[in-house]
Amino acid sequence: MTIDPQSLLAALSDPTRFEVLSRLTESGPVSATDLARDLPVSRQAIVKHLNALSDAGLVERRQSGREIHWEYSAGSLDDLARWAQTVGSEWDRRLERLKRELD
């Protein structure tokens, strides 16, 4: 899977989306209605946030009878962590080169 770090970070930057994702990682599959019961936003707003998280590959929707349940999908965050590690390693190399040049 190729990730778009900018899309993932944008999806995670919204406090409500971050809270929704956090709850999904803790609870497992849950409906938008159940999420809305515990958060200070409407069910419709929760669905919009879930769709944004889904577009970023962070959650998946599953049909269960007439209800839709949402669940956390670890793949994108794993990809983001690998990307951050790669970027961090590159900066470490650059800083080490700069340090050698200054010494």
PDB file of N, CA and C in Angstrom:
ATOM      1  N   MET A   1       0.845  -1.181   0.000  1.00  0.00           N
ATOM      2  CA  MET A   1       0.000   0.000   0.000  1.00  0.00           C
ATOM      3  C   MET A   1       0.888   1.242   0.000  1.00  0.00           C
ATOM      4  N   THR A   2       0.604   2.163  -0.907  1.00  0.00           N
ATOM      5  CA  THR A   2       1.312   3.429  -0.918  1.00  0.00           C
ATOM      6  C   THR A   2       0.483   4.434  -0.139  1.00  0.00           C
ATOM      7  N   ILE A   3       1.122   5.085   0.806  1.00  0.00           N
ATOM      8  CA  ILE A   3       0.381   6.030   1.631  1.00  0.00           C
ATOM      9  C   ILE A   3       0.654   7.444   1.167  1.00  0.00           C
ATOM     10  N   ASP A   4      -0.262   8.299   1.485  1.00  0.00           N
ATOM     11  CA  ASP A   4      -0.094   9.734   1.299  1.00  0.00           C
ATOM     12  C   ASP A   4      -0.012  10.316   2.704  1.00  0.00           C
ATOM     13  N   PRO A   5       1.210  10.548   3.203  1.00  0.00           N
ATOM     14  CA  PRO A   5       1.355  11.029   4.579  1.00  0.00           C
ATOM     15  C   PRO A   5       0.561  12.302   4.844  1.00  0.00           C
ATOM     16  N   GLN A   6       0.483  13.165   3.861  1.00  0.00           N
ATOM     17  CA  GLN A   6      -0.243  14.422   4.047  1.00  0.00           C
ATOM     18  C   GLN A   6      -1.729  14.154   4.323  1.00  0.00           C
ATOM     19  N   SER A   7      -2.328  13.226   3.587  1.00  0.00           N
ATOM     20  CA  SER A   7      -3.744  12.887   3.808  1.00  0.00           C
ATOM     21  C   SER A   7      -3.959  12.265   5.181  1.00  0.00           C
ATOM     22  N   LEU A   8      -3.041  11.377   5.559  1.00  0.00           N
ATOM     23  CA  LEU A   8      -3.168  10.745   6.877  1.00  0.00           C
ATOM     24  C   LEU A   8      -3.029  11.774   7.995  1.00  0.00           C
ATOM     25  N   LEU A   9      -2.032  12.625   7.881  1.00  0.00           N
ATOM     26  CA  LEU A   9      -1.831  13.625   8.922  1.00  0.00           C
ATOM     27  C   LEU A   9      -2.990  14.616   8.964  1.00  0.00           C
ATOM     28  N   ALA A  10      -3.531  14.964   7.805  1.00  0.00           N
ATOM     29  CA  ALA A  10      -4.692  15.861   7.772  1.00  0.00           C
ATOM     30  C   ALA A  10      -5.892  15.203   8.451  1.00  0.00           C
ATOM     31  N   ALA A  11      -6.095  13.908   8.188  1.00  0.00           N
ATOM     32  CA  ALA A  11      -7.213  13.199   8.815  1.00  0.00           C
ATOM     33  C   ALA A  11      -7.049  13.138  10.319  1.00  0.00           C
ATOM     34  N   LEU A  12      -5.816  12.956  10.781  1.00  0.00           N
ATOM     35  CA  LEU A  12      -5.558  12.842  12.215  1.00  0.00           C
ATOM     36  C   LEU A  12      -5.498  14.186  12.923  1.00  0.00           C
ATOM     37  N   SER A  13      -5.383  15.274  12.166  1.00  0.00           N
ATOM     38  CA  SER A  13      -5.215  16.587  12.789  1.00  0.00           C
ATOM     39  C   SER A  13      -6.496  17.136  13.412  1.00  0.00           C
ATOM     40  N   ASP A  14      -7.635  16.632  12.997  1.00  0.00           N
ATOM     41  CA  ASP A  14      -8.901  17.096  13.560  1.00  0.00           C
ATOM     42  C   ASP A  14      -9.125  16.408  14.906  1.00  0.00           C
ATOM     43  N   PRO A  15      -9.349  17.165  15.975  1.00  0.00           N
ATOM     44  CA  PRO A  15      -9.505  16.553  17.311  1.00  0.00           C
ATOM     45  C   PRO A  15     -10.647  15.541  17.398  1.00  0.00           C
ATOM     46  N   THR A  16     -11.762  15.817  16.728  1.00  0.00           N
ATOM     47  CA  THR A  16     -12.884  14.876  16.795  1.00  0.00           C
ATOM     48  C   THR A  16     -12.542  13.587  16.064  1.00  0.00           C
ATOM     49  N   ARG A  17     -11.926  13.696  14.881  1.00  0.00           N
ATOM     50  CA  ARG A  17     -11.532  12.485  14.155  1.00  0.00           C
ATOM     51  C   ARG A  17     -10.521  11.681  14.960  1.00  0.00           C
ATOM     52  N   PHE A  18      -9.590  12.379  15.588  1.00  0.00           N
ATOM     53  CA  PHE A  18      -8.593  11.685  16.409  1.00  0.00           C
ATOM     54  C   PHE A  18      -9.273  10.939  17.555  1.00  0.00           C
ATOM     55  N   GLU A  19     -10.255  11.582  18.179  1.00  0.00           N
ATOM     56  CA  GLU A  19     -10.994  10.934  19.277  1.00  0.00           C
ATOM     57  C   GLU A  19     -11.791   9.737  18.771  1.00  0.00           C
ATOM     58  N   VAL A  20     -12.435   9.887  17.616  1.00  0.00           N
ATOM     59  CA  VAL A  20     -13.195   8.775  17.031  1.00  0.00           C
ATOM     60  C   VAL A  20     -12.258   7.603  16.761  1.00  0.00           C
ATOM     61  N   LEU A  21     -11.111   7.872  16.155  1.00  0.00           N
ATOM     62  CA  LEU A  21     -10.154   6.805  15.869  1.00  0.00           C
ATOM     63  C   LEU A  21      -9.653   6.164  17.158  1.00  0.00           C
ATOM     64  N   SER A  22      -9.366   6.965  18.150  1.00  0.00           N
ATOM     65  CA  SER A  22      -8.930   6.432  19.443  1.00  0.00           C
ATOM     66  C   SER A  22      -9.969   5.498  20.037  1.00  0.00           C
ATOM     67  N   ARG A  23     -11.218   5.900  19.964  1.00  0.00           N
ATOM     68  CA  ARG A  23     -12.286   5.042  20.513  1.00  0.00           C
ATOM     69  C   ARG A  23     -12.409   3.733  19.735  1.00  0.00           C
ATOM     70  N   LEU A  24     -12.220   3.809  18.410  1.00  0.00           N
ATOM     71  CA  LEU A  24     -12.293   2.582  17.615  1.00  0.00           C
ATOM     72  C   LEU A  24     -11.132   1.646  17.934  1.00  0.00           C
ATOM     73  N   THR A  25      -9.972   2.188  18.226  1.00  0.00           N
ATOM     74  CA  THR A  25      -8.840   1.318  18.561  1.00  0.00           C
ATOM     75  C   THR A  25      -9.058   0.632  19.902  1.00  0.00           C
ATOM     76  N   GLU A  26      -9.812   1.276  20.786  1.00  0.00           N
ATOM     77  CA  GLU A  26     -10.068   0.717  22.112  1.00  0.00           C
ATOM     78  C   GLU A  26     -11.251  -0.240  22.124  1.00  0.00           C
ATOM     79  N   SER A  27     -12.293   0.080  21.354  1.00  0.00           N
ATOM     80  CA  SER A  27     -13.547  -0.653  21.479  1.00  0.00           C
ATOM     81  C   SER A  27     -13.752  -1.746  20.445  1.00  0.00           C
ATOM     82  N   GLY A  28     -13.085  -1.649  19.331  1.00  0.00           N
ATOM     83  CA  GLY A  28     -13.392  -2.559  18.236  1.00  0.00           C
ATOM     84  C   GLY A  28     -14.543  -2.009  17.424  1.00  0.00           C
ATOM     85  N   PRO A  29     -15.131  -2.824  16.542  1.00  0.00           N
ATOM     86  CA  PRO A  29     -16.185  -2.339  15.652  1.00  0.00           C
ATOM     87  C   PRO A  29     -17.357  -1.728  16.424  1.00  0.00           C
ATOM     88  N   VAL A  30     -17.828  -0.577  15.927  1.00  0.00           N
ATOM     89  CA  VAL A  30     -18.926   0.130  16.582  1.00  0.00           C
ATOM     90  C   VAL A  30     -19.680   0.938  15.526  1.00  0.00           C
ATOM     91  N   SER A  31     -20.930   1.194  15.780  1.00  0.00           N
ATOM     92  CA  SER A  31     -21.741   1.984  14.845  1.00  0.00           C
ATOM     93  C   SER A  31     -21.544   3.476  15.104  1.00  0.00           C
ATOM     94  N   ALA A  32     -21.873   4.273  14.105  1.00  0.00           N
ATOM     95  CA  ALA A  32     -21.802   5.733  14.255  1.00  0.00           C
ATOM     96  C   ALA A  32     -22.755   6.193  15.350  1.00  0.00           C
ATOM     97  N   THR A  33     -23.885   5.541  15.465  1.00  0.00           N
ATOM     98  CA  THR A  33     -24.855   5.886  16.506  1.00  0.00           C
ATOM     99  C   THR A  33     -24.253   5.691  17.888  1.00  0.00           C
ATOM    100  N   ASP A  34     -23.576   4.565  18.087  1.00  0.00           N
ATOM    101  CA  ASP A  34     -22.941   4.316  19.384  1.00  0.00           C
ATOM    102  C   ASP A  34     -21.841   5.330  19.675  1.00  0.00           C
ATOM    103  N   LEU A  35     -21.061   5.678  18.662  1.00  0.00           N
ATOM    104  CA  LEU A  35     -20.016   6.688  18.856  1.00  0.00           C
ATOM    105  C   LEU A  35     -20.626   8.039  19.219  1.00  0.00           C
ATOM    106  N   ALA A  36     -21.719   8.392  18.560  1.00  0.00           N
ATOM    107  CA  ALA A  36     -22.352   9.699  18.797  1.00  0.00           C
ATOM    108  C   ALA A  36     -22.913   9.811  20.209  1.00  0.00           C
ATOM    109  N   ARG A  37     -23.283   8.700  20.813  1.00  0.00           N
ATOM    110  CA  ARG A  37     -23.804   8.732  22.182  1.00  0.00           C
ATOM    111  C   ARG A  37     -22.776   9.267  23.166  1.00  0.00           C
ATOM    112  N   ASP A  38     -21.505   8.979  22.890  1.00  0.00           N
ATOM    113  CA  ASP A  38     -20.441   9.331  23.828  1.00  0.00           C
ATOM    114  C   ASP A  38     -19.668  10.593  23.457  1.00  0.00           C
ATOM    115  N   LEU A  39     -19.980  11.178  22.326  1.00  0.00           N
ATOM    116  CA  LEU A  39     -19.249  12.368  21.876  1.00  0.00           C
ATOM    117  C   LEU A  39     -20.204  13.549  21.733  1.00  0.00           C
ATOM    118  N   PRO A  40     -19.692  14.758  21.880  1.00  0.00           N
ATOM    119  CA  PRO A  40     -20.558  15.944  21.835  1.00  0.00           C
ATOM    120  C   PRO A  40     -20.846  16.448  20.419  1.00  0.00           C
ATOM    121  N   VAL A  41     -21.027  15.517  19.473  1.00  0.00           N
ATOM    122  CA  VAL A  41     -21.379  15.883  18.098  1.00  0.00           C
ATOM    123  C   VAL A  41     -22.487  14.967  17.613  1.00  0.00           C
ATOM    124  N   SER A  42     -23.139  15.381  16.552  1.00  0.00           N
ATOM    125  CA  SER A  42     -24.271  14.602  16.033  1.00  0.00           C
ATOM    126  C   SER A  42     -23.791  13.331  15.334  1.00  0.00           C
ATOM    127  N   ARG A  43     -24.730  12.415  15.150  1.00  0.00           N
ATOM    128  CA  ARG A  43     -24.438  11.191  14.421  1.00  0.00           C
ATOM    129  C   ARG A  43     -23.984  11.518  13.005  1.00  0.00           C
ATOM    130  N   GLN A  44     -24.625  12.502  12.372  1.00  0.00           N
ATOM    131  CA  GLN A  44     -24.265  12.896  11.009  1.00  0.00           C
ATOM    132  C   GLN A  44     -22.818  13.405  10.951  1.00  0.00           C
ATOM    133  N   ALA A  45     -22.419  14.165  11.958  1.00  0.00           N
ATOM    134  CA  ALA A  45     -21.035  14.652  12.010  1.00  0.00           C
ATOM    135  C   ALA A  45     -20.066  13.487  12.203  1.00  0.00           C
ATOM    136  N   ILE A  46     -20.448  12.530  13.032  1.00  0.00           N
ATOM    137  CA  ILE A  46     -19.603  11.346  13.243  1.00  0.00           C
ATOM    138  C   ILE A  46     -19.407  10.608  11.927  1.00  0.00           C
ATOM    139  N   VAL A  47     -20.479  10.447  11.158  1.00  0.00           N
ATOM    140  CA  VAL A  47     -20.386   9.753   9.867  1.00  0.00           C
ATOM    141  C   VAL A  47     -19.434  10.499   8.931  1.00  0.00           C
ATOM    142  N   LYS A  48     -19.497  11.821   8.914  1.00  0.00           N
ATOM    143  CA  LYS A  48     -18.565  12.592   8.068  1.00  0.00           C
ATOM    144  C   LYS A  48     -17.124  12.360   8.511  1.00  0.00           C
ATOM    145  N   HIS A  49     -16.899  12.345   9.809  1.00  0.00           N
ATOM    146  CA  HIS A  49     -15.550  12.089  10.320  1.00  0.00           C
ATOM    147  C   HIS A  49     -15.100  10.664   9.984  1.00  0.00           C
ATOM    148  N   LEU A  50     -15.995   9.707  10.123  1.00  0.00           N
ATOM    149  CA  LEU A  50     -15.660   8.323   9.786  1.00  0.00           C
ATOM    150  C   LEU A  50     -15.335   8.181   8.306  1.00  0.00           C
ATOM    151  N   ASN A  51     -16.064   8.872   7.457  1.00  0.00           N
ATOM    152  CA  ASN A  51     -15.778   8.821   6.024  1.00  0.00           C
ATOM    153  C   ASN A  51     -14.413   9.428   5.713  1.00  0.00           C
ATOM    154  N   ALA A  52     -14.050  10.505   6.383  1.00  0.00           N
ATOM    155  CA  ALA A  52     -12.726  11.110   6.191  1.00  0.00           C
ATOM    156  C   ALA A  52     -11.635  10.141   6.641  1.00  0.00           C
ATOM    157  N   LEU A  53     -11.855   9.475   7.772  1.00  0.00           N
ATOM    158  CA  LEU A  53     -10.896   8.480   8.254  1.00  0.00           C
ATOM    159  C   LEU A  53     -10.821   7.290   7.297  1.00  0.00           C
ATOM    160  N   SER A  54     -11.945   6.920   6.741  1.00  0.00           N
ATOM    161  CA  SER A  54     -11.977   5.822   5.776  1.00  0.00           C
ATOM    162  C   SER A  54     -11.218   6.200   4.505  1.00  0.00           C
ATOM    163  N   ASP A  55     -11.411   7.416   4.020  1.00  0.00           N
ATOM    164  CA  ASP A  55     -10.699   7.881   2.828  1.00  0.00           C
ATOM    165  C   ASP A  55      -9.188   7.845   3.038  1.00  0.00           C
ATOM    166  N   ALA A  56      -8.753   8.067   4.270  1.00  0.00           N
ATOM    167  CA  ALA A  56      -7.324   8.033   4.604  1.00  0.00           C
ATOM    168  C   ALA A  56      -6.843   6.606   4.878  1.00  0.00           C
ATOM    169  N   GLY A  57      -7.756   5.633   4.844  1.00  0.00           N
ATOM    170  CA  GLY A  57      -7.383   4.245   5.073  1.00  0.00           C
ATOM    171  C   GLY A  57      -7.226   3.870   6.531  1.00  0.00           C
ATOM    172  N   LEU A  58      -7.774   4.698   7.421  1.00  0.00           N
ATOM    173  CA  LEU A  58      -7.609   4.454   8.857  1.00  0.00           C
ATOM    174  C   LEU A  58      -8.723   3.617   9.464  1.00  0.00           C
ATOM    175  N   VAL A  59      -9.875   3.601   8.833  1.00  0.00           N
ATOM    176  CA  VAL A  59     -10.996   2.789   9.319  1.00  0.00           C
ATOM    177  C   VAL A  59     -11.651   2.091   8.131  1.00  0.00           C
ATOM    178  N   GLU A  60     -12.366   1.026   8.447  1.00  0.00           N
ATOM    179  CA  GLU A  60     -13.137   0.295   7.445  1.00  0.00           C
ATOM    180  C   GLU A  60     -14.569   0.162   7.918  1.00  0.00           C
ATOM    181  N   ARG A  61     -15.467   0.159   6.969  1.00  0.00           N
ATOM    182  CA  ARG A  61     -16.874  -0.032   7.322  1.00  0.00           C
ATOM    183  C   ARG A  61     -17.287  -1.443   6.982  1.00  0.00           C
ATOM    184  N   ARG A  62     -18.099  -2.002   7.858  1.00  0.00           N
ATOM    185  CA  ARG A  62     -18.612  -3.368   7.684  1.00  0.00           C
ATOM    186  C   ARG A  62     -20.121  -3.345   7.874  1.00  0.00           C
ATOM    187  N   GLN A  63     -20.802  -3.955   6.944  1.00  0.00           N
ATOM    188  CA  GLN A  63     -22.255  -4.074   7.040  1.00  0.00           C
ATOM    189  C   GLN A  63     -22.581  -5.218   7.979  1.00  0.00           C
ATOM    190  N   SER A  64     -23.464  -4.962   8.944  1.00  0.00           N
ATOM    191  CA  SER A  64     -23.909  -5.990   9.866  1.00  0.00           C
ATOM    192  C   SER A  64     -25.427  -5.880   9.946  1.00  0.00           C
ATOM    193  N   GLY A  65     -26.089  -6.675   9.133  1.00  0.00           N
ATOM    194  CA  GLY A  65     -27.541  -6.531   9.039  1.00  0.00           C
ATOM    195  C   GLY A  65     -27.865  -5.173   8.440  1.00  0.00           C
ATOM    196  N   ARG A  66     -28.688  -4.403   9.142  1.00  0.00           N
ATOM    197  CA  ARG A  66     -29.036  -3.062   8.661  1.00  0.00           C
ATOM    198  C   ARG A  66     -28.062  -2.005   9.151  1.00  0.00           C
ATOM    199  N   GLU A  67     -27.218  -2.368  10.082  1.00  0.00           N
ATOM    200  CA  GLU A  67     -26.274  -1.406  10.649  1.00  0.00           C
ATOM    201  C   GLU A  67     -24.921  -1.465   9.971  1.00  0.00           C
ATOM    202  N   ILE A  68     -24.261  -0.336   9.986  1.00  0.00           N
ATOM    203  CA  ILE A  68     -22.881  -0.259   9.521  1.00  0.00           C
ATOM    204  C   ILE A  68     -22.005  -0.108  10.745  1.00  0.00           C
ATOM    205  N   HIS A  69     -21.038  -0.990  10.868  1.00  0.00           N
ATOM    206  CA  HIS A  69     -20.066  -0.908  11.947  1.00  0.00           C
ATOM    207  C   HIS A  69     -18.723  -0.486  11.370  1.00  0.00           C
ATOM    208  N   TRP A  70     -18.046   0.342  12.110  1.00  0.00           N
ATOM    209  CA  TRP A  70     -16.747   0.864  11.705  1.00  0.00           C
ATOM    210  C   TRP A  70     -15.687   0.255  12.587  1.00  0.00           C
ATOM    211  N   GLU A  71     -14.528  -0.040  11.975  1.00  0.00           N
ATOM    212  CA  GLU A  71     -13.426  -0.584  12.756  1.00  0.00           C
ATOM    213  C   GLU A  71     -12.107   0.008  12.294  1.00  0.00           C
ATOM    214  N   TYR A  72     -11.190   0.031  13.230  1.00  0.00           N
ATOM    215  CA  TYR A  72      -9.842   0.543  12.994  1.00  0.00           C
ATOM    216  C   TYR A  72      -9.093  -0.359  12.029  1.00  0.00           C
ATOM    217  N   SER A  73      -8.358   0.245  11.123  1.00  0.00           N
ATOM    218  CA  SER A  73      -7.534  -0.484  10.168  1.00  0.00           C
ATOM    219  C   SER A  73      -6.083  -0.054  10.362  1.00  0.00           C
ATOM    220  N   ALA A  74      -5.282  -0.912  10.949  1.00  0.00           N
ATOM    221  CA  ALA A  74      -3.917  -0.552  11.356  1.00  0.00           C
ATOM    222  C   ALA A  74      -2.962  -0.286  10.207  1.00  0.00           C
ATOM    223  N   GLY A  75      -3.226  -0.791   9.045  1.00  0.00           N
ATOM    224  CA  GLY A  75      -2.275  -0.693   7.945  1.00  0.00           C
ATOM    225  C   GLY A  75      -1.760   0.699   7.652  1.00  0.00           C
ATOM    226  N   SER A  76      -2.638   1.678   7.585  1.00  0.00           N
ATOM    227  CA  SER A  76      -2.207   3.029   7.247  1.00  0.00           C
ATOM    228  C   SER A  76      -1.315   3.635   8.317  1.00  0.00           C
ATOM    229  N   LEU A  77      -1.631   3.408   9.576  1.00  0.00           N
ATOM    230  CA  LEU A  77      -0.786   3.947  10.641  1.00  0.00           C
ATOM    231  C   LEU A  77       0.572   3.248  10.657  1.00  0.00           C
ATOM    232  N   ASP A  78       0.596   1.970  10.345  1.00  0.00           N
ATOM    233  CA  ASP A  78       1.871   1.265  10.243  1.00  0.00           C
ATOM    234  C   ASP A  78       2.711   1.870   9.118  1.00  0.00           C
ATOM    235  N   ASP A  79       2.071   2.142   7.984  1.00  0.00           N
ATOM    236  CA  ASP A  79       2.769   2.771   6.862  1.00  0.00           C
ATOM    237  C   ASP A  79       3.257   4.161   7.238  1.00  0.00           C
ATOM    238  N   LEU A  80       2.431   4.907   7.959  1.00  0.00           N
ATOM    239  CA  LEU A  80       2.824   6.247   8.389  1.00  0.00           C
ATOM    240  C   LEU A  80       4.018   6.181   9.340  1.00  0.00           C
ATOM    241  N   ALA A  81       4.025   5.214  10.233  1.00  0.00           N
ATOM    242  CA  ALA A  81       5.148   5.059  11.166  1.00  0.00           C
ATOM    243  C   ALA A  81       6.432   4.739  10.407  1.00  0.00           C
ATOM    244  N   ARG A  82       6.341   3.878   9.387  1.00  0.00           N
ATOM    245  CA  ARG A  82       7.526   3.565   8.579  1.00  0.00           C
ATOM    246  C   ARG A  82       8.009   4.800   7.830  1.00  0.00           C
ATOM    247  N   TRP A  83       7.075   5.572   7.278  1.00  0.00           N
ATOM    248  CA  TRP A  83       7.429   6.808   6.581  1.00  0.00           C
ATOM    249  C   TRP A  83       8.119   7.777   7.540  1.00  0.00           C
ATOM    250  N   ALA A  84       7.572   7.946   8.740  1.00  0.00           N
ATOM    251  CA  ALA A  84       8.163   8.861   9.724  1.00  0.00           C
ATOM    252  C   ALA A  84       9.558   8.389  10.116  1.00  0.00           C
ATOM    253  N   GLN A  85       9.744   7.083  10.239  1.00  0.00           N
ATOM    254  CA  GLN A  85      11.060   6.537  10.561  1.00  0.00           C
ATOM    255  C   GLN A  85      12.056   6.841   9.444  1.00  0.00           C
ATOM    256  N   THR A  86      11.633   6.694   8.202  1.00  0.00           N
ATOM    257  CA  THR A  86      12.500   6.988   7.064  1.00  0.00           C
ATOM    258  C   THR A  86      12.884   8.462   7.043  1.00  0.00           C
ATOM    259  N   VAL A  87      11.908   9.335   7.237  1.00  0.00           N
ATOM    260  CA  VAL A  87      12.181  10.771   7.262  1.00  0.00           C
ATOM    261  C   VAL A  87      13.103  11.112   8.435  1.00  0.00           C
ATOM    262  N   GLY A  88      12.850  10.550   9.590  1.00  0.00           N
ATOM    263  CA  GLY A  88      13.687  10.792  10.762  1.00  0.00           C
ATOM    264  C   GLY A  88      15.124  10.336  10.540  1.00  0.00           C
ATOM    265  N   SER A  89      15.293   9.178   9.931  1.00  0.00           N
ATOM    266  CA  SER A  89      16.634   8.670   9.652  1.00  0.00           C
ATOM    267  C   SER A  89      17.373   9.580   8.679  1.00  0.00           C
ATOM    268  N   GLU A  90      16.674  10.076   7.690  1.00  0.00           N
ATOM    269  CA  GLU A  90      17.301  10.998   6.732  1.00  0.00           C
ATOM    270  C   GLU A  90      17.762  12.272   7.434  1.00  0.00           C
ATOM    271  N   TRP A  91      16.938  12.802   8.307  1.00  0.00           N
ATOM    272  CA  TRP A  91      17.342  13.999   9.060  1.00  0.00           C
ATOM    273  C   TRP A  91      18.508  13.707   9.986  1.00  0.00           C
ATOM    274  N   ASP A  92      18.541  12.532  10.587  1.00  0.00           N
ATOM    275  CA  ASP A  92      19.683  12.157  11.428  1.00  0.00           C
ATOM    276  C   ASP A  92      20.970  12.157  10.606  1.00  0.00           C
ATOM    277  N   ARG A  93      20.915  11.598   9.385  1.00  0.00           N
ATOM    278  CA  ARG A  93      22.097  11.584   8.517  1.00  0.00           C
ATOM    279  C   ARG A  93      22.524  13.001   8.148  1.00  0.00           C
ATOM    280  N   ARG A  94      21.553  13.846   7.824  1.00  0.00           N
ATOM    281  CA  ARG A  94      21.877  15.236   7.466  1.00  0.00           C
ATOM    282  C   ARG A  94      22.519  15.978   8.636  1.00  0.00           C
ATOM    283  N   LEU A  95      21.956  15.801   9.806  1.00  0.00           N
ATOM    284  CA  LEU A  95      22.512  16.477  10.981  1.00  0.00           C
ATOM    285  C   LEU A  95      23.910  15.964  11.316  1.00  0.00           C
ATOM    286  N   GLU A  96      24.136  14.678  11.130  1.00  0.00           N
ATOM    287  CA  GLU A  96      25.462  14.113  11.372  1.00  0.00           C
ATOM    288  C   GLU A  96      26.480  14.688  10.383  1.00  0.00           C
ATOM    289  N   ARG A  97      26.092  14.804   9.112  1.00  0.00           N
ATOM    290  CA  ARG A  97      26.993  15.413   8.112  1.00  0.00           C
ATOM    291  C   ARG A  97      27.291  16.858   8.484  1.00  0.00           C
ATOM    292  N   LEU A  98      26.272  17.598   8.903  1.00  0.00           N
ATOM    293  CA  LEU A  98      26.469  18.993   9.294  1.00  0.00           C
ATOM    294  C   LEU A  98      27.410  19.090  10.493  1.00  0.00           C
ATOM    295  N   LYS A  99      27.224  18.207  11.444  1.00  0.00           N
ATOM    296  CA  LYS A  99      28.076  18.195  12.631  1.00  0.00           C
ATOM    297  C   LYS A  99      29.531  17.942  12.239  1.00  0.00           C
ATOM    298  N   ARG A 100      29.763  16.958  11.342  1.00  0.00           N
ATOM    299  CA  ARG A 100      31.123  16.662  10.892  1.00  0.00           C
ATOM    300  C   ARG A 100      31.743  17.872  10.173  1.00  0.00           C
ATOM    301  N   GLU A 101      30.951  18.544   9.372  1.00  0.00           N
ATOM    302  CA  GLU A 101      31.469  19.712   8.650  1.00  0.00           C
ATOM    303  C   GLU A 101      31.790  20.861   9.598  1.00  0.00           C
ATOM    304  N   LEU A 102      31.020  21.013  10.656  1.00  0.00           N
ATOM    305  CA  LEU A 102      31.262  22.101  11.603  1.00  0.00           C
ATOM    306  C   LEU A 102      32.421  21.815  12.546  1.00  0.00           C
ATOM    307  N   ASP A 103      32.712  20.525  12.747  1.00  0.00           N
ATOM    308  CA  ASP A 103      33.823  20.159  13.653  1.00  0.00           C
ATOM    309  C   ASP A 103      35.111  20.246  12.941  1.00  0.00           C
TER     310      ASP A 103
END
